[in-house]
Protein backbone atom coordinates (compact mmCIF):
# COMPACT_ATOMS: atom_id res chain seq x y z
CA MET A 1 -35.49 -86.09 113.45
CA THR A 2 -39.14 -84.46 111.95
CA TRP A 3 -39.60 -81.62 110.21
CA THR A 4 -42.70 -80.28 108.22
CA ALA A 5 -42.65 -78.00 105.27
CA GLY A 6 -45.40 -75.37 104.76
CA PRO A 7 -47.23 -72.45 106.74
CA PRO A 8 -45.65 -72.35 110.43
CA ASN A 9 -48.16 -73.88 112.29
CA GLY A 10 -30.98 -74.20 134.30
CA GLY A 11 -27.64 -74.79 134.92
CA LYS A 12 -26.61 -72.45 138.22
CA TRP A 13 -27.58 -75.51 140.39
CA LEU A 14 -25.42 -78.05 138.31
CA CYS A 15 -22.67 -75.57 138.98
CA ALA A 16 -23.08 -75.28 142.29
CA LEU A 17 -23.04 -78.93 143.19
CA VAL A 18 -19.46 -79.19 141.14
CA LEU A 19 -18.26 -76.30 143.47
CA GLY A 20 -19.35 -77.53 146.68
CA ALA A 21 -18.41 -81.29 145.75
CA ASN A 22 -14.64 -79.84 144.76
CA ALA A 23 -14.73 -77.98 148.24
CA TRP A 24 -15.79 -81.20 149.84
CA THR A 25 -12.84 -82.91 148.15
CA CYS A 26 -9.98 -80.37 149.12
CA ALA A 27 -11.72 -80.56 152.69
CA ASN A 28 -11.06 -84.44 153.38
CA ALA A 29 -8.06 -84.62 150.85
CA GLN A 30 -5.45 -85.24 153.84
CA THR A 31 -7.39 -87.30 155.58
CA ALA A 32 -9.16 -89.91 152.95
CA PRO A 33 -6.85 -91.73 150.13
CA ILE A 34 -8.78 -91.50 146.18
CA GLU A 35 -9.23 -94.71 145.03
CA TRP A 36 -8.67 -94.14 140.72
CA SER A 37 -10.50 -96.56 138.35
CA ALA A 38 -9.83 -96.83 134.47
CA SER A 39 -11.70 -98.82 132.09
CA ALA A 40 -11.90 -99.28 128.29
CA GLY A 41 -14.62 -101.31 126.73
CA VAL A 42 -17.39 -101.31 124.17
CA LEU A 43 -21.25 -101.11 123.75
CA HIS A 44 -23.67 -102.04 120.90
CA ARG A 45 -26.18 -99.29 120.18
CA THR A 46 -29.91 -99.61 118.93
CA LEU A 47 -31.51 -96.15 118.55
CA THR A 48 -35.03 -96.34 117.10
CA GLU A 49 -37.15 -93.11 116.42
CA SER A 50 -41.05 -93.93 116.45
CA SER A 51 -44.10 -92.01 115.25
CA PRO A 52 -46.70 -90.75 117.84
CA GLY A 53 -48.70 -94.13 116.52
CA GLY A 54 -45.97 -96.25 117.43
CA GLY A 55 -44.52 -96.76 113.91
CA ARG A 56 -40.56 -96.81 113.42
CA LEU A 57 -39.50 -94.26 111.37
CA LEU A 58 -35.68 -95.05 111.76
CA THR A 59 -33.31 -97.14 113.24
CA GLU A 60 -29.46 -97.08 114.00
CA LYS A 61 -27.27 -99.99 115.34
CA GLY A 62 -23.76 -100.42 115.73
CA TYR A 63 -20.76 -100.18 118.29
CA LEU A 64 -18.96 -97.68 119.88
CA PRO A 65 -15.69 -97.72 121.87
CA ARG A 66 -15.84 -96.10 125.46
CA ILE A 67 -13.31 -94.95 127.73
CA LYS A 68 -13.94 -94.03 131.60
CA LEU A 69 -12.04 -92.68 134.45
CA SER A 70 -13.36 -92.56 138.02
CA ALA A 71 -12.27 -91.55 141.64
CA GLN A 72 -13.98 -92.55 145.10
CA MET A 73 -13.20 -90.84 148.69
CA ALA A 74 -14.07 -91.35 151.98
CA VAL A 75 -15.64 -88.52 153.15
CA GLN A 76 -17.00 -87.40 156.80
CA ASP A 77 -19.71 -89.67 158.65
CA SER A 78 -18.88 -92.87 156.81
CA GLY A 79 -20.38 -91.27 153.50
CA ALA A 80 -18.16 -91.15 150.30
CA LEU A 81 -17.77 -89.06 147.27
CA SER A 82 -17.27 -90.26 143.73
CA ALA A 83 -16.55 -88.46 139.98
CA GLU A 84 -16.70 -90.08 137.00
CA ALA A 85 -16.16 -89.03 133.31
CA SER A 86 -16.52 -91.03 130.12
CA PHE A 87 -16.10 -90.66 125.94
CA ALA A 88 -17.71 -92.72 123.36
CA GLN A 89 -17.48 -92.27 119.73
CA GLY A 90 -18.29 -94.43 116.63
CA ARG A 91 -20.41 -94.92 113.29
CA LEU A 92 -23.54 -96.35 113.38
CA ASP A 93 -25.56 -97.86 110.60
CA TYR A 94 -28.53 -95.78 110.10
CA GLU A 95 -31.91 -97.40 108.33
CA GLY A 96 -34.90 -94.79 107.59
CA GLN A 97 -37.05 -93.51 105.02
CA THR A 98 -37.48 -89.80 103.70
CA GLN A 99 -40.54 -87.32 104.10
CA ALA A 100 -41.89 -89.01 100.76
CA ALA A 101 -41.77 -92.63 102.57
CA GLN A 102 -38.56 -93.54 100.36
CA PRO A 103 -36.18 -96.06 102.17
CA VAL A 104 -32.65 -94.41 103.08
CA SER A 105 -29.52 -95.98 104.39
CA SER A 106 -26.57 -94.16 105.72
CA LEU A 107 -24.00 -93.81 108.36
CA THR A 108 -24.74 -92.00 111.76
CA GLY A 109 -21.57 -90.86 113.68
CA HIS A 110 -22.39 -90.78 117.48
CA ARG A 111 -20.01 -89.10 120.23
CA GLU A 112 -20.69 -88.60 123.76
CA ALA A 113 -18.77 -87.18 126.71
CA GLU A 114 -20.40 -87.23 130.42
CA VAL A 115 -19.47 -85.90 133.55
CA THR A 116 -21.06 -87.67 136.70
CA LEU A 117 -20.96 -86.94 140.50
CA ARG A 118 -22.33 -89.17 143.08
CA TRP A 119 -23.07 -88.96 146.73
CA ARG A 120 -23.06 -91.95 149.51
CA PRO A 121 -24.68 -90.38 152.38
CA LEU A 122 -24.67 -93.81 154.42
CA ALA A 123 -21.92 -96.34 155.15
CA PRO A 124 -22.14 -99.62 153.26
CA ALA A 125 -24.69 -102.11 154.90
CA ALA A 126 -25.78 -105.54 154.61
CA TRP A 127 -28.29 -104.67 151.63
CA GLY A 128 -25.57 -102.87 149.77
CA GLU A 129 -24.85 -99.09 149.17
CA ALA A 130 -27.38 -96.31 147.93
CA TRP A 131 -25.78 -93.39 145.92
CA LEU A 132 -27.52 -89.80 144.67
CA GLY A 133 -26.13 -88.97 141.39
CA LEU A 134 -25.88 -86.00 139.03
CA GLY A 135 -24.45 -86.14 135.63
CA TRP A 136 -24.11 -83.87 132.45
CA LEU A 137 -24.40 -85.74 129.32
CA HIS A 138 -23.45 -83.94 125.66
CA ALA A 139 -24.40 -86.11 123.09
CA ARG A 140 -23.90 -85.91 119.04
CA ARG A 141 -25.77 -87.63 116.15
CA ALA A 142 -24.70 -86.76 112.75
CA ILE A 143 -26.27 -87.90 110.00
CA GLU A 144 -24.21 -88.45 106.53
CA PRO A 145 -26.15 -87.63 103.46
CA THR A 146 -27.05 -89.90 100.82
CA SER A 147 -28.78 -89.41 97.02
CA LEU A 148 -32.08 -89.07 98.71
CA ALA A 149 -31.52 -86.59 101.60
CA GLY A 150 -29.56 -84.24 103.02
CA SER A 151 -27.15 -84.60 106.36
CA LEU A 152 -28.67 -83.54 109.45
CA ASP A 153 -26.31 -82.84 113.07
CA GLU A 154 -27.98 -82.69 116.39
CA ALA A 155 -26.19 -82.31 119.67
CA SER A 156 -28.09 -82.92 123.21
CA SER A 157 -26.99 -81.39 126.41
CA LEU A 158 -28.65 -83.16 129.44
CA ALA A 159 -28.49 -82.49 133.56
CA LEU A 160 -29.31 -86.26 134.75
CA PRO A 161 -30.08 -86.71 138.31
CA GLY A 162 -30.60 -90.12 139.64
CA VAL A 163 -30.23 -92.76 142.15
CA ARG A 164 -27.84 -96.13 142.21
CA TRP A 165 -28.10 -99.13 144.34
CA ARG A 166 -24.75 -101.22 144.42
CA SER A 167 -24.70 -104.90 146.15
CA PRO A 168 -22.32 -106.09 148.39
CA ALA A 169 -19.34 -108.32 146.92
CA TRP A 170 -20.93 -112.00 146.53
CA ALA A 171 -18.40 -114.89 146.15
CA LEU A 172 -18.33 -117.72 143.89
CA PRO A 173 -16.39 -120.94 144.62
CA LEU A 174 -15.01 -121.23 141.11
CA GLY A 175 -11.44 -122.24 140.24
CA GLU A 176 -8.32 -122.24 142.50
CA GLY A 177 -10.37 -119.03 143.88
CA PRO A 178 -13.69 -117.51 144.70
CA VAL A 179 -14.98 -115.13 141.94
CA LYS A 180 -16.52 -112.28 143.08
CA PHE A 181 -19.20 -110.55 141.79
CA GLU A 182 -21.48 -107.23 142.38
CA ALA A 183 -24.44 -105.87 140.99
CA GLU A 184 -26.15 -102.46 140.23
CA ALA A 185 -28.86 -100.88 139.54
CA GLU A 186 -29.29 -97.19 138.60
CA TRP A 187 -32.05 -94.84 137.34
CA ARG A 188 -31.45 -91.35 136.26
CA THR A 189 -34.16 -88.64 134.73
CA SER A 190 -33.60 -85.80 132.63
CA ALA A 191 -34.09 -82.49 134.79
CA ARG A 192 -32.91 -80.35 131.55
CA HIS A 193 -32.46 -80.92 128.05
CA ARG A 194 -31.51 -78.87 125.37
CA LEU A 195 -31.16 -79.41 121.98
CA SER A 196 -29.49 -77.99 118.98
CA ILE A 197 -29.93 -78.98 115.08
CA ASP A 198 -28.19 -77.82 112.15
CA TYR A 199 -29.41 -78.91 108.75
CA VAL A 200 -26.18 -77.93 107.12
CA GLY A 201 -27.45 -74.71 105.14
CA VAL A 202 -30.80 -76.14 104.07
CA TYR A 203 -32.55 -74.36 107.04
CA ASP A 204 -31.66 -72.16 109.88
CA ALA A 205 -30.25 -73.80 112.89
CA SER A 206 -33.21 -74.87 115.63
CA VAL A 207 -32.45 -74.83 119.34
CA LEU A 208 -35.31 -76.88 120.85
CA ARG A 209 -36.00 -77.87 124.21
CA GLY A 210 -35.61 -81.74 123.89
CA GLY A 211 -38.36 -84.63 125.48
CA ARG A 212 -38.04 -85.72 128.85
CA ARG A 213 -35.57 -88.88 129.21
CA ASN A 214 -35.52 -91.69 131.61
CA GLU A 215 -33.10 -93.90 131.84
CA LEU A 216 -32.36 -97.88 133.47
CA SER A 217 -29.18 -99.49 133.84
CA LEU A 218 -28.59 -102.81 135.13
CA ARG A 219 -24.83 -103.91 135.47
CA LEU A 220 -22.63 -107.22 136.78
CA ALA A 221 -18.83 -106.84 137.58
CA LEU A 222 -17.16 -109.92 138.17
CA PHE A 223 -13.26 -109.99 139.96
CA LYS A 224 -11.17 -112.05 141.79
CA GLY A 225 -8.78 -109.49 143.47
CA GLU A 226 -9.27 -106.04 143.95
CA THR A 227 -6.92 -104.60 140.90
CA TRP A 228 -9.06 -105.93 137.59
CA ARG A 229 -12.83 -106.60 137.25
CA TRP A 230 -15.01 -107.22 134.06
CA THR A 231 -18.29 -105.45 133.76
CA ALA A 232 -21.24 -106.26 131.87
CA GLY A 233 -24.03 -103.71 131.53
CA TRP A 234 -27.86 -102.87 130.09
CA THR A 235 -29.36 -99.59 129.80
CA ARG A 236 -32.81 -98.77 127.96
CA THR A 237 -33.40 -95.00 127.58
CA GLU A 238 -36.80 -93.91 126.79
CA GLN A 239 -37.32 -90.15 125.49
CA ARG A 240 -40.34 -88.36 124.88
CA ALA A 241 -40.96 -86.34 121.88
CA SER A 242 -40.13 -82.83 121.92
CA PRO A 243 -42.19 -80.24 121.80
CA SER A 244 -42.47 -78.45 117.93
CA ALA A 245 -40.88 -75.26 117.02
CA THR A 246 -40.88 -73.08 114.33
CA LEU A 247 -38.47 -73.82 111.10
CA TYR A 248 -36.75 -70.77 109.30
CA ARG A 249 -35.07 -70.54 105.85
CA ALA A 250 -33.07 -67.03 106.07
CA GLY A 251 -35.13 -66.08 108.81
CA VAL A 252 -38.54 -66.95 107.10
CA PRO A 253 -41.36 -69.16 108.71
CA VAL A 254 -41.49 -72.51 106.42
CA GLY A 255 -42.95 -75.16 108.83
CA THR A 256 -42.41 -76.47 112.23
CA VAL A 257 -39.68 -79.18 113.74
CA HIS A 258 -39.65 -81.33 116.60
CA GLN A 259 -37.79 -84.56 117.58
CA PRO A 260 -39.71 -88.02 117.76
CA ARG A 261 -40.22 -90.32 120.68
CA LEU A 262 -36.38 -92.39 121.29
CA ARG A 263 -35.42 -95.33 122.46
CA ILE A 264 -31.78 -96.83 122.74
CA ASP A 265 -30.86 -100.08 124.20
CA ASP A 266 -26.98 -100.49 124.87
CA ILE A 267 -25.34 -103.65 125.64
CA SER A 268 -21.88 -103.02 127.09
CA LEU A 269 -18.72 -105.12 128.27
CA SER A 270 -15.60 -103.10 129.37
CA LEU A 271 -12.47 -104.23 131.65
CA SER A 272 -11.05 -101.71 134.19
CA ARG A 273 -8.31 -101.34 136.55
CA ARG A 274 -7.93 -99.73 140.04
CA PHE A 275 -5.05 -97.99 141.14
C-alpha cells in the first residue's frame, strides 16, 4: 500500500444468483443426491507489490493452511450445480521499505474466506466439462508494526465471475491398479472490488475502488478410488494498481493513497474426501 503526504492532489446481481441457485437446489433435492467433499491442505504464497516502473516495493512469502467444503448436484437437462466454501489463514514474512527507502522486515497476517457457485449447463463430453462460476472473496492483510513503520490493515471484497474446464478422468497403469487423474483450468476476473484500509490511528480509514484482478489456476488431481484424492495446484493473480483517493487525518486532506500493482503466486497441495 502506498500513501503520499502533502497537499491533496454492485452486489444485487450476486444476491439474485445465490437466491436462484438455492431455489434450483430445493426444486431438485428429492430427485438428485448431493455429493459432498471436504479437503484440507496448505498453499505457499508469494505476494509482490510493484511500482509503476516495475520496481519491487515489497514481497510477502509464507504458508497458509486452508480448508474447503464443497457440494455438487445434478440438475435438469444433464447439467449440474456446485457450491464451495473455503477458509485460509497464516502469517507471511514481509520484506519491504519505508517511504524513505529504508529496508523493513515484518510479518503479515493473511486471512481469506471465499464462497463460489458454479453451473455446468451441459453433460460431460469426451473433451471434459465446462463450468460457469461466480465467487465472492473477502481477503485481509494485516502488516505488523516495526520500529520504522506503523501497522496497516487492508480488507478486500471481490466478486469474481469466471469459467472452468475439467478434463475426463484418465488412467495410468501404475502399481496394483490404475491411478486416475483429472486436470482443471480456471480463469476469473473481478467484476467488483472494494478495498478498505485501516491506518490504526495514524490517518482516517480509507475506502478505495480496488484495481481489476485477473486470476489463472491450473490443478491436477490424482486418485485410485472415488473416496480420497490428492490435488496439486498453481494460481497466478495479477491485480492492477487502484485509482488514487484523498487521504485524511481528522477530516483534513493531507495527501493521496493508492494500492500498487500486485502479483500473487500460490502453489497448493491438498487431500480431499468425498462422501
